[in-house]
């Protein structure tokens, strides 16, 4: 089942990329392994999954040490709490997708300074204006990026968003267009310590729209693993 799901998913990524006039190899497929057990994740890895995303540090602690030699990168995609920074950094994430608070960013920067390490991060933007979602207001994103860019141990590599959970494609597309526009605006500013390289947007229900709107990291769970077992 996993092999079949990945094959279908790769075909969908290829079709969406071609529709948008893009090269499918530009798209980084991040398998979201939240609630899924090691044997299932390892099966996905044998069928070509190279990048793993986890939402919860506690869950990541139980999986990543056993997977790190089998994958290319571990990404942390959940909300980062400052009291969990030390636990997360022990897992050596290649990319943290979810910086949206100055206080957390400062604490992360300070902790990295003690370790003499640098960390690639994305800034999470709330493009749907839903109060239930984390992220910076789009209008405040540029000024937030300028502030975070001053933290010498953080390297801003792009932006992340979660599209609105709706069947209205126009609304979803608008969320992704907003992020892409911000991405291009920030790129034009040439801010030191900022590389606008990654646009992380799109999940199982909306990744094709995200690819059409410029995503180069998509975060996919149920299209690979089936429905989550809570």
N, C-alpha and C. Protein backbone atom coordinates (compact mmCIF):
# COMPACT_ATOMS: atom_id res chain seq x y z
N UNK A 1 0.83 -1.21 0.00
CA UNK A 1 0.00 0.00 0.00
C UNK A 1 0.86 1.26 0.00
N UNK A 2 1.89 1.31 0.87
CA UNK A 2 2.77 2.48 0.95
C UNK A 2 3.45 2.73 -0.40
N UNK A 3 3.99 1.65 -0.99
CA UNK A 3 4.69 1.77 -2.28
C UNK A 3 3.74 2.35 -3.34
N UNK A 4 2.52 1.84 -3.35
CA UNK A 4 1.50 2.30 -4.32
C UNK A 4 1.15 3.77 -4.08
N UNK A 5 0.99 4.13 -2.80
CA UNK A 5 0.67 5.52 -2.45
C UNK A 5 1.76 6.48 -2.91
N UNK A 6 3.02 6.08 -2.69
CA UNK A 6 4.15 6.95 -3.07
C UNK A 6 4.23 7.09 -4.59
N UNK A 7 3.98 5.98 -5.27
CA UNK A 7 4.00 6.02 -6.75
C UNK A 7 2.92 6.98 -7.28
N UNK A 8 1.71 6.87 -6.72
CA UNK A 8 0.60 7.76 -7.12
C UNK A 8 0.93 9.21 -6.81
N UNK A 9 1.50 9.42 -5.62
CA UNK A 9 1.85 10.77 -5.18
C UNK A 9 2.90 11.39 -6.11
N UNK A 10 3.93 10.62 -6.45
CA UNK A 10 4.97 11.13 -7.35
C UNK A 10 4.40 11.50 -8.71
N UNK A 11 3.42 10.72 -9.15
CA UNK A 11 2.76 11.01 -10.44
C UNK A 11 1.98 12.32 -10.34
N UNK A 12 1.29 12.51 -9.22
CA UNK A 12 0.53 13.76 -9.02
C UNK A 12 1.46 14.98 -8.95
N UNK A 13 2.61 14.81 -8.29
CA UNK A 13 3.59 15.90 -8.21
C UNK A 13 4.12 16.23 -9.61
N UNK A 14 4.38 15.18 -10.37
CA UNK A 14 4.88 15.36 -11.75
C UNK A 14 3.85 16.09 -12.61
N UNK A 15 2.59 15.68 -12.50
CA UNK A 15 1.52 16.31 -13.30
C UNK A 15 1.30 17.77 -12.92
N UNK A 16 1.30 18.04 -11.60
CA UNK A 16 1.10 19.42 -11.13
C UNK A 16 2.27 20.30 -11.56
N UNK A 17 3.48 19.74 -11.52
CA UNK A 17 4.68 20.50 -11.93
C UNK A 17 4.62 20.84 -13.41
N UNK A 18 4.26 19.83 -14.22
CA UNK A 18 4.17 20.05 -15.68
C UNK A 18 3.12 21.10 -16.01
N UNK A 19 1.99 21.03 -15.31
CA UNK A 19 0.90 22.01 -15.52
C UNK A 19 1.39 23.43 -15.24
N UNK A 20 2.29 23.54 -14.24
CA UNK A 20 2.82 24.86 -13.85
C UNK A 20 4.09 25.22 -14.62
N UNK A 21 4.50 24.33 -15.57
CA UNK A 21 5.71 24.58 -16.33
C UNK A 21 6.97 24.49 -15.48
N UNK A 22 6.94 23.60 -14.49
CA UNK A 22 8.07 23.46 -13.56
C UNK A 22 8.69 22.07 -13.66
N UNK A 23 9.91 21.96 -13.17
CA UNK A 23 10.61 20.69 -13.13
C UNK A 23 10.24 19.98 -11.82
N UNK A 24 9.68 18.76 -11.89
CA UNK A 24 9.28 18.04 -10.66
C UNK A 24 10.44 17.84 -9.68
N UNK A 25 11.67 17.81 -10.18
CA UNK A 25 12.83 17.60 -9.29
C UNK A 25 13.09 18.81 -8.39
N UNK A 26 12.44 19.94 -8.69
CA UNK A 26 12.55 21.14 -7.82
C UNK A 26 11.77 20.96 -6.52
N UNK A 27 10.82 20.03 -6.50
CA UNK A 27 9.90 19.90 -5.37
C UNK A 27 10.46 18.90 -4.35
N UNK A 28 10.64 19.38 -3.13
CA UNK A 28 11.11 18.49 -2.05
C UNK A 28 9.88 17.92 -1.35
N UNK A 29 9.77 16.59 -1.39
CA UNK A 29 8.64 15.90 -0.75
C UNK A 29 9.02 15.56 0.69
N UNK A 30 8.33 16.20 1.62
CA UNK A 30 8.57 15.97 3.04
C UNK A 30 7.46 15.07 3.58
N UNK A 31 7.82 13.88 4.00
CA UNK A 31 6.83 12.93 4.54
C UNK A 31 6.55 13.27 5.99
N UNK A 32 5.30 13.60 6.28
CA UNK A 32 4.91 13.97 7.65
C UNK A 32 4.53 12.69 8.40
N UNK A 33 5.33 12.36 9.40
CA UNK A 33 5.22 11.05 10.05
C UNK A 33 4.50 11.09 11.39
N UNK A 34 3.84 12.18 11.67
CA UNK A 34 3.06 12.35 12.91
C UNK A 34 2.11 11.16 13.13
N UNK A 35 2.19 10.57 14.30
CA UNK A 35 1.38 9.41 14.78
C UNK A 35 1.75 8.07 14.12
N UNK A 36 2.62 8.08 13.11
CA UNK A 36 2.94 6.83 12.42
C UNK A 36 4.17 6.16 13.05
N UNK A 37 4.14 4.84 13.08
CA UNK A 37 5.16 4.07 13.78
C UNK A 37 6.37 3.79 12.89
N UNK A 38 7.47 3.48 13.52
CA UNK A 38 8.74 3.27 12.81
C UNK A 38 8.68 2.28 11.65
N UNK A 39 8.08 1.10 11.82
CA UNK A 39 8.09 0.15 10.70
C UNK A 39 7.45 0.70 9.43
N UNK A 40 6.37 1.49 9.60
CA UNK A 40 5.68 2.07 8.44
C UNK A 40 6.54 3.15 7.80
N UNK A 41 7.20 3.95 8.65
CA UNK A 41 8.09 5.01 8.13
C UNK A 41 9.26 4.37 7.39
N UNK A 42 9.82 3.31 7.97
CA UNK A 42 10.96 2.63 7.34
C UNK A 42 10.55 2.01 5.99
N UNK A 43 9.31 1.56 5.92
CA UNK A 43 8.82 1.02 4.64
C UNK A 43 8.78 2.13 3.58
N UNK A 44 8.30 3.31 4.01
CA UNK A 44 8.25 4.46 3.09
C UNK A 44 9.66 4.83 2.62
N UNK A 45 10.62 4.76 3.53
CA UNK A 45 12.01 5.09 3.18
C UNK A 45 12.54 4.12 2.12
N UNK A 46 12.19 2.85 2.23
CA UNK A 46 12.66 1.86 1.24
C UNK A 46 12.05 2.13 -0.15
N UNK A 47 10.96 2.91 -0.17
CA UNK A 47 10.32 3.25 -1.45
C UNK A 47 10.60 4.69 -1.87
N UNK A 48 11.71 5.23 -1.39
CA UNK A 48 12.19 6.50 -1.94
C UNK A 48 12.00 7.75 -1.09
N UNK A 49 11.35 7.64 0.07
CA UNK A 49 11.19 8.82 0.93
C UNK A 49 12.54 9.16 1.57
N UNK A 50 12.95 10.42 1.40
CA UNK A 50 14.28 10.85 1.89
C UNK A 50 14.21 11.93 2.97
N UNK A 51 13.06 12.61 3.03
CA UNK A 51 12.92 13.74 3.96
C UNK A 51 11.73 13.48 4.88
N UNK A 52 11.97 13.65 6.18
CA UNK A 52 10.95 13.37 7.20
C UNK A 52 10.61 14.65 7.96
N UNK A 53 9.32 14.90 8.16
CA UNK A 53 8.86 16.05 8.95
C UNK A 53 8.06 15.59 10.15
N UNK A 54 8.38 16.14 11.31
CA UNK A 54 7.63 15.83 12.54
C UNK A 54 7.09 17.12 13.16
N UNK A 55 5.88 17.01 13.71
CA UNK A 55 5.22 18.16 14.35
C UNK A 55 5.54 18.28 15.83
N UNK A 56 5.78 17.15 16.47
CA UNK A 56 5.93 17.16 17.92
C UNK A 56 7.31 16.65 18.31
N UNK A 57 7.97 17.40 19.17
CA UNK A 57 9.34 17.06 19.57
C UNK A 57 9.35 15.73 20.32
N UNK A 58 8.37 15.52 21.18
CA UNK A 58 8.31 14.29 21.96
C UNK A 58 8.25 13.06 21.04
N UNK A 59 7.46 13.17 19.97
CA UNK A 59 7.35 12.08 19.00
C UNK A 59 8.64 11.93 18.20
N UNK A 60 9.20 13.06 17.82
CA UNK A 60 10.45 13.04 17.04
C UNK A 60 11.57 12.36 17.83
N UNK A 61 11.60 12.58 19.14
CA UNK A 61 12.63 11.96 19.99
C UNK A 61 12.56 10.44 19.95
N UNK A 62 11.36 9.92 19.73
CA UNK A 62 11.17 8.46 19.70
C UNK A 62 11.49 7.85 18.34
N UNK A 63 11.62 8.69 17.32
CA UNK A 63 11.80 8.18 15.95
C UNK A 63 13.12 8.57 15.30
N UNK A 64 13.44 9.84 15.36
CA UNK A 64 14.57 10.36 14.57
C UNK A 64 15.90 9.67 14.89
N UNK A 65 16.22 9.39 16.16
CA UNK A 65 17.49 8.70 16.41
C UNK A 65 17.62 7.36 15.66
N UNK A 66 16.48 6.71 15.40
CA UNK A 66 16.49 5.42 14.69
C UNK A 66 16.46 5.58 13.17
N UNK A 67 16.13 6.80 12.72
CA UNK A 67 15.96 7.02 11.29
C UNK A 67 17.07 7.86 10.67
N UNK A 68 17.84 8.58 11.49
CA UNK A 68 18.73 9.61 10.94
C UNK A 68 19.77 9.07 9.96
N UNK A 69 20.17 7.81 10.11
CA UNK A 69 21.14 7.24 9.17
C UNK A 69 20.47 6.72 7.89
N UNK A 70 19.14 6.74 7.87
CA UNK A 70 18.41 6.19 6.72
C UNK A 70 17.79 7.28 5.85
N UNK A 71 17.80 8.54 6.35
CA UNK A 71 17.17 9.64 5.62
C UNK A 71 18.20 10.73 5.33
N UNK A 72 17.82 11.63 4.43
CA UNK A 72 18.73 12.74 4.11
C UNK A 72 18.57 13.89 5.11
N UNK A 73 17.29 14.16 5.47
CA UNK A 73 17.05 15.31 6.37
C UNK A 73 15.83 15.07 7.25
N UNK A 74 15.91 15.61 8.47
CA UNK A 74 14.76 15.71 9.37
C UNK A 74 14.39 17.19 9.47
N UNK A 75 13.12 17.49 9.25
CA UNK A 75 12.62 18.86 9.38
C UNK A 75 11.63 18.92 10.54
N UNK A 76 11.70 19.99 11.33
CA UNK A 76 10.68 20.19 12.37
C UNK A 76 9.65 21.17 11.84
N UNK A 77 8.38 20.73 11.81
CA UNK A 77 7.34 21.54 11.16
C UNK A 77 6.26 22.01 12.13
N UNK A 78 6.37 21.63 13.40
CA UNK A 78 5.34 22.02 14.38
C UNK A 78 5.67 23.34 15.05
N UNK A 79 4.78 23.77 15.93
CA UNK A 79 5.00 25.01 16.69
C UNK A 79 6.13 24.79 17.69
N UNK A 80 7.12 25.67 17.66
CA UNK A 80 8.28 25.51 18.55
C UNK A 80 8.07 26.29 19.84
N UNK A 81 8.11 25.58 20.96
CA UNK A 81 8.04 26.22 22.28
C UNK A 81 9.46 26.39 22.79
N UNK A 82 9.73 27.52 23.40
CA UNK A 82 11.10 27.84 23.82
C UNK A 82 11.65 26.84 24.84
N UNK A 83 10.77 26.24 25.65
CA UNK A 83 11.26 25.28 26.66
C UNK A 83 11.62 23.92 26.07
N UNK A 84 11.38 23.76 24.75
CA UNK A 84 11.71 22.48 24.08
C UNK A 84 12.91 22.62 23.13
N UNK A 85 13.50 23.81 23.10
CA UNK A 85 14.58 24.06 22.14
C UNK A 85 15.73 23.07 22.31
N UNK A 86 16.16 22.87 23.56
CA UNK A 86 17.31 21.98 23.79
C UNK A 86 17.03 20.55 23.31
N UNK A 87 15.79 20.08 23.52
CA UNK A 87 15.42 18.73 23.07
C UNK A 87 15.43 18.64 21.55
N UNK A 88 14.91 19.67 20.90
CA UNK A 88 14.86 19.67 19.44
C UNK A 88 16.27 19.70 18.85
N UNK A 89 17.15 20.54 19.40
CA UNK A 89 18.47 20.70 18.80
C UNK A 89 19.31 19.43 18.90
N UNK A 90 19.02 18.60 19.89
CA UNK A 90 19.72 17.30 20.01
C UNK A 90 19.41 16.39 18.81
N UNK A 91 18.26 16.64 18.16
CA UNK A 91 17.84 15.82 17.01
C UNK A 91 18.39 16.36 15.69
N UNK A 92 19.08 17.49 15.75
CA UNK A 92 19.76 18.10 14.60
C UNK A 92 18.86 18.28 13.37
N UNK A 93 17.81 19.09 13.51
CA UNK A 93 16.95 19.32 12.34
C UNK A 93 17.70 20.07 11.24
N UNK A 94 17.49 19.66 9.99
CA UNK A 94 18.08 20.39 8.86
C UNK A 94 17.39 21.74 8.70
N UNK A 95 16.10 21.76 9.01
CA UNK A 95 15.30 22.97 8.81
C UNK A 95 14.17 23.02 9.83
N UNK A 96 13.97 24.18 10.44
CA UNK A 96 12.82 24.42 11.32
C UNK A 96 11.86 25.32 10.54
N UNK A 97 10.64 24.85 10.31
CA UNK A 97 9.70 25.53 9.41
C UNK A 97 8.87 26.61 10.11
N UNK A 98 8.98 26.73 11.41
CA UNK A 98 7.86 27.36 12.12
C UNK A 98 8.25 28.47 13.10
N UNK A 99 9.16 29.36 12.67
CA UNK A 99 9.53 30.49 13.54
C UNK A 99 8.51 31.60 13.35
N UNK A 100 7.85 31.98 14.44
CA UNK A 100 6.84 33.05 14.34
C UNK A 100 6.79 33.93 15.59
N UNK A 101 7.77 33.74 16.49
CA UNK A 101 7.82 34.59 17.69
C UNK A 101 9.25 35.06 17.92
N UNK A 102 9.40 36.35 18.17
CA UNK A 102 10.74 36.89 18.40
C UNK A 102 11.38 36.29 19.64
N UNK A 103 10.59 36.11 20.69
CA UNK A 103 11.15 35.59 21.95
C UNK A 103 11.72 34.19 21.76
N UNK A 104 11.00 33.33 21.02
CA UNK A 104 11.47 31.97 20.75
C UNK A 104 12.72 32.02 19.87
N UNK A 105 12.70 32.88 18.85
CA UNK A 105 13.85 33.00 17.96
C UNK A 105 15.09 33.45 18.73
N UNK A 106 14.92 34.37 19.65
CA UNK A 106 16.07 34.86 20.44
C UNK A 106 16.63 33.75 21.33
N UNK A 107 15.72 32.99 21.95
CA UNK A 107 16.18 31.88 22.81
C UNK A 107 16.89 30.81 21.99
N UNK A 108 16.37 30.53 20.81
CA UNK A 108 17.01 29.56 19.92
C UNK A 108 18.39 30.07 19.51
N UNK A 109 18.48 31.33 19.17
CA UNK A 109 19.75 31.94 18.78
C UNK A 109 20.79 31.86 19.91
N UNK A 110 20.32 32.13 21.11
CA UNK A 110 21.19 32.09 22.30
C UNK A 110 21.70 30.67 22.54
N UNK A 111 20.79 29.70 22.44
CA UNK A 111 21.16 28.30 22.66
C UNK A 111 22.17 27.84 21.61
N UNK A 112 21.94 28.24 20.36
CA UNK A 112 22.85 27.89 19.27
C UNK A 112 24.23 28.51 19.49
N UNK A 113 24.23 29.72 20.05
CA UNK A 113 25.49 30.40 20.36
C UNK A 113 26.33 29.60 21.34
N UNK A 114 25.67 29.03 22.33
CA UNK A 114 26.36 28.21 23.34
C UNK A 114 26.96 26.96 22.68
N UNK A 115 26.26 26.43 21.67
CA UNK A 115 26.74 25.23 20.98
C UNK A 115 27.71 25.55 19.83
N UNK A 116 27.82 26.86 19.55
CA UNK A 116 28.61 27.34 18.39
C UNK A 116 28.09 26.69 17.09
N UNK A 117 26.77 26.76 16.94
CA UNK A 117 26.12 26.19 15.76
C UNK A 117 25.24 27.24 15.08
N UNK A 118 24.90 26.99 13.83
CA UNK A 118 23.95 27.80 13.07
C UNK A 118 22.75 26.91 12.75
N UNK A 119 21.60 27.54 12.51
CA UNK A 119 20.39 26.77 12.20
C UNK A 119 19.61 27.42 11.07
N UNK A 120 19.25 26.64 10.05
CA UNK A 120 18.38 27.12 8.97
C UNK A 120 16.93 27.09 9.46
N UNK A 121 16.21 28.19 9.19
CA UNK A 121 14.81 28.30 9.63
C UNK A 121 13.96 28.90 8.51
N UNK A 122 12.66 28.64 8.61
CA UNK A 122 11.66 29.32 7.79
C UNK A 122 10.79 30.16 8.72
N UNK A 123 10.24 31.21 8.18
CA UNK A 123 9.31 32.05 8.94
C UNK A 123 7.89 31.61 8.59
N UNK A 124 7.10 31.29 9.63
CA UNK A 124 5.72 30.85 9.40
C UNK A 124 4.80 32.06 9.32
N UNK A 125 4.03 32.11 8.24
CA UNK A 125 3.11 33.23 7.98
C UNK A 125 1.68 32.70 8.01
N UNK A 126 0.80 33.43 8.69
CA UNK A 126 -0.61 33.05 8.76
C UNK A 126 -1.35 33.73 7.61
N UNK A 127 -1.37 33.06 6.47
CA UNK A 127 -1.97 33.66 5.27
C UNK A 127 -3.49 33.55 5.23
N UNK A 128 -4.06 32.72 6.11
CA UNK A 128 -5.51 32.51 6.08
C UNK A 128 -6.25 33.39 7.09
N UNK A 129 -5.49 34.11 7.93
CA UNK A 129 -6.05 35.00 8.97
C UNK A 129 -6.94 34.25 9.96
N UNK A 130 -6.69 32.95 10.12
CA UNK A 130 -7.45 32.16 11.10
C UNK A 130 -6.78 32.27 12.46
N UNK A 131 -7.57 32.57 13.49
CA UNK A 131 -7.00 32.73 14.82
C UNK A 131 -6.49 31.41 15.40
N UNK A 132 -6.99 30.30 14.85
CA UNK A 132 -6.56 28.98 15.34
C UNK A 132 -5.15 28.61 14.85
N UNK A 133 -4.62 29.38 13.91
CA UNK A 133 -3.33 29.04 13.31
C UNK A 133 -2.21 29.94 13.83
N UNK A 134 -1.02 29.34 13.95
CA UNK A 134 0.17 30.12 14.29
C UNK A 134 0.66 30.84 13.04
N UNK A 135 1.55 31.80 13.24
CA UNK A 135 2.16 32.49 12.10
C UNK A 135 2.05 33.99 12.20
N UNK A 136 2.95 34.65 11.49
CA UNK A 136 3.01 36.11 11.45
C UNK A 136 1.95 36.64 10.49
N UNK A 137 1.38 37.79 10.80
CA UNK A 137 0.47 38.47 9.88
C UNK A 137 1.26 38.84 8.62
N UNK A 138 0.70 38.59 7.43
CA UNK A 138 1.44 38.90 6.20
C UNK A 138 1.99 40.33 6.16
N UNK A 139 1.21 41.29 6.69
CA UNK A 139 1.66 42.69 6.65
C UNK A 139 2.84 42.96 7.58
N UNK A 140 3.04 42.07 8.55
CA UNK A 140 4.15 42.26 9.49
C UNK A 140 5.36 41.39 9.16
N UNK A 141 5.25 40.61 8.10
CA UNK A 141 6.29 39.61 7.81
C UNK A 141 7.64 40.23 7.47
N UNK A 142 7.65 41.25 6.63
CA UNK A 142 8.93 41.86 6.24
C UNK A 142 9.67 42.42 7.45
N UNK A 143 8.96 43.15 8.31
CA UNK A 143 9.63 43.73 9.49
C UNK A 143 10.08 42.63 10.45
N UNK A 144 9.30 41.56 10.56
CA UNK A 144 9.68 40.42 11.41
C UNK A 144 10.96 39.76 10.87
N UNK A 145 11.00 39.56 9.56
CA UNK A 145 12.19 38.97 8.93
C UNK A 145 13.42 39.83 9.20
N UNK A 146 13.27 41.15 9.08
CA UNK A 146 14.40 42.06 9.35
C UNK A 146 14.93 41.88 10.77
N UNK A 147 14.01 41.72 11.73
CA UNK A 147 14.43 41.55 13.13
C UNK A 147 15.13 40.21 13.35
N UNK A 148 14.54 39.14 12.83
CA UNK A 148 15.10 37.80 13.03
C UNK A 148 16.45 37.67 12.32
N UNK A 149 16.59 38.38 11.20
CA UNK A 149 17.84 38.33 10.43
C UNK A 149 19.03 38.88 11.23
N UNK A 150 18.75 39.67 12.26
CA UNK A 150 19.83 40.22 13.11
C UNK A 150 20.42 39.17 14.04
N UNK A 151 19.71 38.05 14.21
CA UNK A 151 20.18 36.98 15.10
C UNK A 151 21.22 36.15 14.35
N UNK A 152 22.47 36.26 14.78
CA UNK A 152 23.58 35.75 13.97
C UNK A 152 23.64 34.24 13.80
N UNK A 153 22.95 33.49 14.65
CA UNK A 153 23.02 32.02 14.55
C UNK A 153 21.84 31.40 13.80
N UNK A 154 20.92 32.26 13.35
CA UNK A 154 19.79 31.79 12.55
C UNK A 154 19.96 32.22 11.10
N UNK A 155 19.73 31.30 10.21
CA UNK A 155 19.78 31.61 8.77
C UNK A 155 18.37 31.45 8.21
N UNK A 156 17.74 32.56 7.86
CA UNK A 156 16.39 32.50 7.28
C UNK A 156 16.51 32.00 5.84
N UNK A 157 15.78 30.90 5.55
CA UNK A 157 15.89 30.25 4.24
C UNK A 157 14.60 30.34 3.42
N UNK A 158 13.57 31.01 3.97
CA UNK A 158 12.32 31.10 3.22
C UNK A 158 11.13 31.23 4.14
N UNK A 159 9.97 30.88 3.60
CA UNK A 159 8.69 31.07 4.30
C UNK A 159 7.86 29.79 4.28
N UNK A 160 6.98 29.68 5.26
CA UNK A 160 6.06 28.54 5.35
C UNK A 160 4.66 29.03 5.68
N UNK A 161 3.66 28.34 5.16
CA UNK A 161 2.28 28.62 5.56
C UNK A 161 1.45 27.34 5.48
N UNK A 162 0.30 27.40 6.14
CA UNK A 162 -0.71 26.34 6.05
C UNK A 162 -1.93 26.98 5.39
N UNK A 163 -2.36 26.41 4.27
CA UNK A 163 -3.53 26.95 3.57
C UNK A 163 -4.79 26.75 4.40
N UNK A 164 -5.80 27.54 4.11
CA UNK A 164 -7.06 27.39 4.84
C UNK A 164 -7.69 26.02 4.54
N UNK A 165 -8.25 25.39 5.58
CA UNK A 165 -8.94 24.10 5.40
C UNK A 165 -10.33 24.37 4.87
N UNK A 166 -10.46 24.36 3.56
CA UNK A 166 -11.73 24.65 2.91
C UNK A 166 -11.75 23.93 1.57
N UNK A 167 -12.94 23.70 1.03
CA UNK A 167 -13.04 23.09 -0.30
C UNK A 167 -13.00 24.17 -1.39
N UNK A 168 -12.97 25.44 -0.98
CA UNK A 168 -12.95 26.54 -1.94
C UNK A 168 -11.51 26.77 -2.43
N UNK A 169 -11.27 26.30 -3.63
CA UNK A 169 -9.92 26.37 -4.21
C UNK A 169 -9.42 27.81 -4.34
N UNK A 170 -10.32 28.74 -4.59
CA UNK A 170 -9.93 30.15 -4.76
C UNK A 170 -9.30 30.69 -3.48
N UNK A 171 -9.89 30.34 -2.33
CA UNK A 171 -9.37 30.79 -1.04
C UNK A 171 -8.00 30.17 -0.76
N UNK A 172 -7.89 28.87 -1.02
CA UNK A 172 -6.61 28.17 -0.80
C UNK A 172 -5.52 28.80 -1.67
N UNK A 173 -5.86 29.02 -2.94
CA UNK A 173 -4.89 29.58 -3.88
C UNK A 173 -4.43 30.97 -3.43
N UNK A 174 -5.36 31.73 -2.90
CA UNK A 174 -5.03 33.10 -2.44
C UNK A 174 -4.02 33.05 -1.29
N UNK A 175 -4.17 32.06 -0.39
CA UNK A 175 -3.20 31.89 0.72
C UNK A 175 -1.79 31.67 0.17
N UNK A 176 -1.70 30.79 -0.82
CA UNK A 176 -0.39 30.45 -1.39
C UNK A 176 0.18 31.61 -2.23
N UNK A 177 -0.70 32.32 -2.91
CA UNK A 177 -0.25 33.49 -3.69
C UNK A 177 0.29 34.58 -2.77
N UNK A 178 -0.36 34.74 -1.62
CA UNK A 178 0.10 35.73 -0.64
C UNK A 178 1.52 35.40 -0.18
N UNK A 179 1.75 34.12 0.12
CA UNK A 179 3.08 33.71 0.58
C UNK A 179 4.13 33.90 -0.51
N UNK A 180 3.78 33.55 -1.73
CA UNK A 180 4.74 33.68 -2.84
C UNK A 180 5.07 35.15 -3.09
N UNK A 181 4.07 36.00 -3.00
CA UNK A 181 4.31 37.44 -3.19
C UNK A 181 5.27 37.97 -2.12
N UNK A 182 5.04 37.57 -0.86
CA UNK A 182 5.93 37.99 0.24
C UNK A 182 7.35 37.47 0.00
N UNK A 183 7.44 36.23 -0.43
CA UNK A 183 8.72 35.58 -0.74
C UNK A 183 9.52 36.43 -1.74
N UNK A 184 8.84 36.85 -2.81
CA UNK A 184 9.51 37.65 -3.85
C UNK A 184 9.86 39.04 -3.35
N UNK A 185 8.97 39.63 -2.55
CA UNK A 185 9.23 40.98 -2.01
C UNK A 185 10.45 40.97 -1.09
N UNK A 186 10.52 39.94 -0.22
CA UNK A 186 11.63 39.84 0.72
C UNK A 186 12.94 39.57 -0.03
N UNK A 187 12.85 38.75 -1.06
CA UNK A 187 14.04 38.43 -1.88
C UNK A 187 14.63 39.72 -2.47
N UNK A 188 13.75 40.62 -2.94
CA UNK A 188 14.18 41.89 -3.54
C UNK A 188 14.91 42.80 -2.56
N UNK A 189 14.62 42.61 -1.26
CA UNK A 189 15.20 43.48 -0.23
C UNK A 189 16.68 43.18 0.04
N UNK A 190 17.14 41.98 -0.38
CA UNK A 190 18.55 41.59 -0.15
C UNK A 190 19.01 41.82 1.29
N UNK A 191 18.26 41.29 2.23
CA UNK A 191 18.57 41.47 3.66
C UNK A 191 19.70 40.52 4.04
N UNK A 192 20.77 41.03 4.68
CA UNK A 192 21.85 40.14 5.12
C UNK A 192 21.33 39.06 6.07
N UNK A 193 21.78 37.81 5.86
CA UNK A 193 21.33 36.70 6.70
C UNK A 193 20.02 36.08 6.25
N UNK A 194 19.53 36.52 5.08
CA UNK A 194 18.26 36.00 4.54
C UNK A 194 18.49 35.45 3.13
N UNK A 195 18.12 34.18 2.94
CA UNK A 195 18.15 33.58 1.60
C UNK A 195 16.75 33.07 1.33
N UNK A 196 16.07 33.68 0.40
CA UNK A 196 14.72 33.21 0.07
C UNK A 196 14.85 32.03 -0.90
N UNK A 197 15.03 30.84 -0.31
CA UNK A 197 15.25 29.63 -1.10
C UNK A 197 14.04 28.69 -1.08
N UNK A 198 13.37 28.60 0.07
CA UNK A 198 12.30 27.61 0.22
C UNK A 198 10.94 28.24 0.46
N UNK A 199 9.94 27.73 -0.27
CA UNK A 199 8.53 28.06 -0.04
C UNK A 199 7.86 26.76 0.39
N UNK A 200 7.61 26.63 1.69
CA UNK A 200 7.01 25.42 2.24
C UNK A 200 5.51 25.62 2.36
N UNK A 201 4.77 25.01 1.45
CA UNK A 201 3.30 25.14 1.49
C UNK A 201 2.69 23.99 0.71
N UNK A 202 1.53 23.57 1.18
CA UNK A 202 0.83 22.48 0.52
C UNK A 202 0.92 21.19 1.32
N UNK A 203 -0.26 20.59 1.53
CA UNK A 203 -0.36 19.31 2.22
C UNK A 203 -1.19 18.36 1.34
N UNK A 204 -1.58 17.23 1.88
CA UNK A 204 -2.25 16.21 1.05
C UNK A 204 -3.42 16.78 0.23
N UNK A 205 -4.25 17.61 0.83
CA UNK A 205 -5.46 18.08 0.14
C UNK A 205 -5.24 19.25 -0.82
N UNK A 206 -4.09 19.90 -0.71
CA UNK A 206 -3.94 21.13 -1.52
C UNK A 206 -2.55 21.30 -2.16
N UNK A 207 -1.72 20.23 -2.14
CA UNK A 207 -0.34 20.41 -2.61
C UNK A 207 -0.24 20.73 -4.10
N UNK A 208 -1.22 20.25 -4.90
CA UNK A 208 -1.15 20.54 -6.34
C UNK A 208 -1.33 22.03 -6.60
N UNK A 209 -2.23 22.66 -5.84
CA UNK A 209 -2.41 24.12 -5.95
C UNK A 209 -1.13 24.81 -5.49
N UNK A 210 -0.54 24.31 -4.40
CA UNK A 210 0.69 24.90 -3.86
C UNK A 210 1.82 24.84 -4.88
N UNK A 211 1.96 23.71 -5.58
CA UNK A 211 3.01 23.57 -6.60
C UNK A 211 2.76 24.58 -7.73
N UNK A 212 1.49 24.72 -8.13
CA UNK A 212 1.16 25.69 -9.18
C UNK A 212 1.50 27.12 -8.75
N UNK A 213 1.47 27.37 -7.45
CA UNK A 213 1.74 28.72 -6.92
C UNK A 213 3.17 28.89 -6.40
N UNK A 214 4.05 27.90 -6.71
CA UNK A 214 5.47 28.12 -6.44
C UNK A 214 6.09 27.33 -5.30
N UNK A 215 5.34 26.48 -4.63
CA UNK A 215 5.91 25.70 -3.51
C UNK A 215 7.09 24.85 -3.99
N UNK A 216 8.14 24.78 -3.18
CA UNK A 216 9.20 23.82 -3.49
C UNK A 216 9.48 22.86 -2.33
N UNK A 217 8.71 23.01 -1.24
CA UNK A 217 8.62 21.96 -0.21
C UNK A 217 7.14 21.71 0.03
N UNK A 218 6.72 20.46 -0.10
CA UNK A 218 5.33 20.11 0.24
C UNK A 218 5.37 19.10 1.39
N UNK A 219 4.41 19.22 2.31
CA UNK A 219 4.41 18.43 3.54
C UNK A 219 3.25 17.43 3.48
N UNK A 220 3.58 16.18 3.20
CA UNK A 220 2.53 15.19 2.90
C UNK A 220 2.51 14.07 3.93
N UNK A 221 1.33 13.85 4.52
CA UNK A 221 1.16 12.75 5.47
C UNK A 221 0.25 11.67 4.95
N UNK A 222 -1.07 11.94 4.93
CA UNK A 222 -2.04 10.88 4.64
C UNK A 222 -1.99 10.35 3.22
N UNK A 223 -1.51 11.12 2.25
CA UNK A 223 -1.39 10.59 0.88
C UNK A 223 -0.31 9.52 0.80
N UNK A 224 0.59 9.50 1.80
CA UNK A 224 1.62 8.45 1.86
C UNK A 224 1.18 7.32 2.80
N UNK A 225 0.78 7.72 4.01
CA UNK A 225 0.58 6.73 5.08
C UNK A 225 -0.87 6.33 5.32
N UNK A 226 -1.79 7.00 4.65
CA UNK A 226 -3.22 6.77 4.94
C UNK A 226 -3.65 7.64 6.10
N UNK A 227 -4.88 7.50 6.53
CA UNK A 227 -5.43 8.34 7.61
C UNK A 227 -4.63 8.13 8.89
N UNK A 228 -4.48 9.21 9.67
CA UNK A 228 -3.73 9.13 10.92
C UNK A 228 -4.48 8.31 11.95
N UNK A 229 -3.75 7.55 12.73
CA UNK A 229 -4.34 6.76 13.82
C UNK A 229 -4.02 7.46 15.13
N UNK A 230 -4.98 8.21 15.68
CA UNK A 230 -4.72 8.95 16.91
C UNK A 230 -4.91 8.00 18.09
